[in-house]
Amino acid sequence: MSRGGVPIVLAAILVYILWTAGSPAPTPILQPPKPLPAIVEPPLESLFVSSATPTVVIVADLASEYASRWMEESAPKLTEKGWLVRSLDLEGSDEMRFYIRAQGTWRTHAGHMSLDSLRMMLGY
């Protein structure tokens, strides 16, 4: 090799060293993250009812005059007859609904409901 070729080879080696030193390090292989366990919400206990038990669920502001009177007067009469009475308090709500499970089906009643209107709804 001639003397003129030595500096070219040294320059090429130097460029190679600088080029590889400036390259980013290889990316390490990471393990995929483990999946989080599924979060299962428990059913609302206040709305769980057996399909065999006739049930009334009142959904209202239970502090309202009508709802509190219904819970004090009508609910015990239904309980005495073997009905399950549940409630869901919607504090501050003006809406009132009754969900009735009897004879194997669910029915809905919006607004005030007397025991007479419940009987008529069920055909008793």
Protein backbone atom coordinates (compact mmCIF):
# COMPACT_ATOMS: atom_id res chain seq x y z
CA MET A 1 0.00 0.00 0.00
CA SER A 2 1.27 3.42 -0.85
CA ARG A 3 1.78 6.13 1.66
CA GLY A 4 -1.21 8.06 0.21
CA GLY A 5 -3.53 5.10 0.90
CA VAL A 6 -2.73 4.89 4.62
CA PRO A 7 -4.39 8.21 5.54
CA ILE A 8 -7.49 7.24 3.54
CA VAL A 9 -7.77 3.92 5.39
CA LEU A 10 -7.22 5.63 8.74
CA ALA A 11 -9.85 8.26 7.85
CA ALA A 12 -12.31 5.52 6.88
CA ILE A 13 -11.69 3.68 10.18
CA LEU A 14 -12.13 6.93 12.11
CA VAL A 15 -15.42 7.69 10.27
CA TYR A 16 -16.63 4.14 11.01
CA ILE A 17 -15.78 4.48 14.73
CA LEU A 18 -17.50 7.86 14.97
CA TRP A 19 -20.51 6.60 13.01
CA THR A 20 -21.07 3.55 15.25
CA ALA A 21 -20.44 5.53 18.45
CA GLY A 22 -23.15 8.04 17.51
CA SER A 23 -25.76 5.37 16.68
CA PRO A 24 -28.37 4.79 19.34
CA ALA A 25 -28.00 1.70 21.46
CA PRO A 26 -30.17 -1.22 20.42
CA THR A 27 -33.59 -1.10 22.02
CA PRO A 28 -33.92 -3.69 24.77
CA ILE A 29 -36.68 -6.24 24.31
CA LEU A 30 -39.37 -5.60 26.90
CA GLN A 31 -41.89 -8.09 28.14
CA PRO A 32 -45.46 -7.12 27.27
CA PRO A 33 -47.37 -5.78 30.27
CA LYS A 34 -49.53 -8.26 32.11
CA PRO A 35 -53.24 -7.63 31.58
CA LEU A 36 -55.08 -6.18 34.55
CA PRO A 37 -57.71 -8.39 36.11
CA ALA A 38 -61.22 -7.57 34.93
CA ILE A 39 -63.21 -5.51 37.40
CA VAL A 40 -66.64 -6.99 37.90
CA GLU A 41 -69.18 -4.71 39.48
CA PRO A 42 -71.36 -6.50 42.03
CA PRO A 43 -75.08 -6.30 41.34
CA LEU A 44 -76.95 -3.61 43.23
CA GLU A 45 -78.10 -5.41 46.34
CA SER A 46 -81.09 -3.11 46.71
CA LEU A 47 -82.42 -4.24 43.33
CA PHE A 48 -81.70 -7.97 43.52
CA VAL A 49 -84.87 -10.01 43.76
CA SER A 50 -85.72 -13.66 43.45
CA SER A 51 -87.82 -14.39 40.40
CA ALA A 52 -90.23 -16.43 42.56
CA THR A 53 -90.95 -13.65 45.06
CA PRO A 54 -93.46 -10.92 44.15
CA THR A 55 -91.56 -7.68 44.49
CA VAL A 56 -92.03 -3.92 44.44
CA VAL A 57 -89.04 -1.62 44.01
CA ILE A 58 -89.71 2.06 44.66
CA VAL A 59 -87.25 4.44 43.01
CA ALA A 60 -87.69 7.97 44.34
CA ASP A 61 -86.45 10.57 46.80
CA LEU A 62 -87.35 8.55 49.88
CA ALA A 63 -87.37 11.71 52.00
CA SER A 64 -90.25 13.14 49.96
CA GLU A 65 -93.63 13.24 51.67
CA TYR A 66 -95.32 10.74 49.36
CA ALA A 67 -92.45 8.23 49.23
CA SER A 68 -91.91 8.22 52.99
CA ARG A 69 -95.66 7.81 53.59
CA TRP A 70 -95.80 4.97 51.01
CA MET A 71 -92.88 3.21 52.72
CA GLU A 72 -94.54 3.59 56.16
CA GLU A 73 -98.08 2.60 55.15
CA SER A 74 -98.14 0.51 51.96
CA ALA A 75 -94.81 -1.32 52.18
CA PRO A 76 -95.66 -3.12 55.46
CA LYS A 77 -99.02 -4.27 54.03
CA LEU A 78 -97.27 -5.80 51.04
CA THR A 79 -94.60 -7.39 53.25
CA GLU A 80 -97.35 -9.00 55.37
CA LYS A 81 -98.72 -10.59 52.18
CA GLY A 82 -95.31 -12.10 51.31
CA TRP A 83 -94.06 -9.39 48.96
CA LEU A 84 -90.49 -8.18 48.97
CA VAL A 85 -90.24 -4.38 49.08
CA ARG A 86 -86.99 -2.74 47.99
CA SER A 87 -86.09 0.89 47.52
CA LEU A 88 -83.56 3.00 45.68
CA ASP A 89 -83.15 6.53 47.04
CA LEU A 90 -82.78 9.23 44.38
CA GLU A 91 -82.14 12.10 46.74
CA GLY A 92 -83.47 15.40 45.40
CA SER A 93 -85.31 13.80 42.47
CA ASP A 94 -88.89 14.68 41.56
CA GLU A 95 -89.27 11.44 39.62
CA MET A 96 -91.00 8.46 41.19
CA ARG A 97 -91.18 4.99 39.65
CA PHE A 98 -92.29 1.61 40.86
CA TYR A 99 -90.92 -1.61 39.38
CA ILE A 100 -93.22 -4.52 40.09
CA ARG A 101 -92.31 -8.19 39.64
CA ALA A 102 -95.28 -10.50 39.84
CA GLN A 103 -96.63 -13.43 37.86
CA GLY A 104 -93.18 -13.92 36.26
CA THR A 105 -92.89 -10.50 34.62
CA TRP A 106 -91.70 -6.99 35.44
CA ARG A 107 -94.03 -4.02 35.11
CA THR A 108 -93.29 -0.31 35.54
CA HIS A 109 -95.50 2.35 37.07
CA ALA A 110 -94.52 6.03 36.87
CA GLY A 111 -95.76 8.39 39.57
CA HIS A 112 -97.82 7.72 42.67
CA MET A 113 -99.14 4.17 43.11
CA SER A 114 -101.77 3.06 45.60
CA LEU A 115 -102.29 -0.56 46.55
CA ASP A 116 -105.63 -0.42 44.67
CA SER A 117 -103.85 0.66 41.48
CA LEU A 118 -101.32 -2.15 42.04
CA ARG A 119 -104.18 -4.66 42.30
CA MET A 120 -105.77 -3.33 39.09
CA MET A 121 -102.41 -3.47 37.28
CA LEU A 122 -101.99 -7.11 38.23
CA GLY A 123 -105.63 -8.02 37.59
CA TYR A 124 -106.37 -9.03 41.17
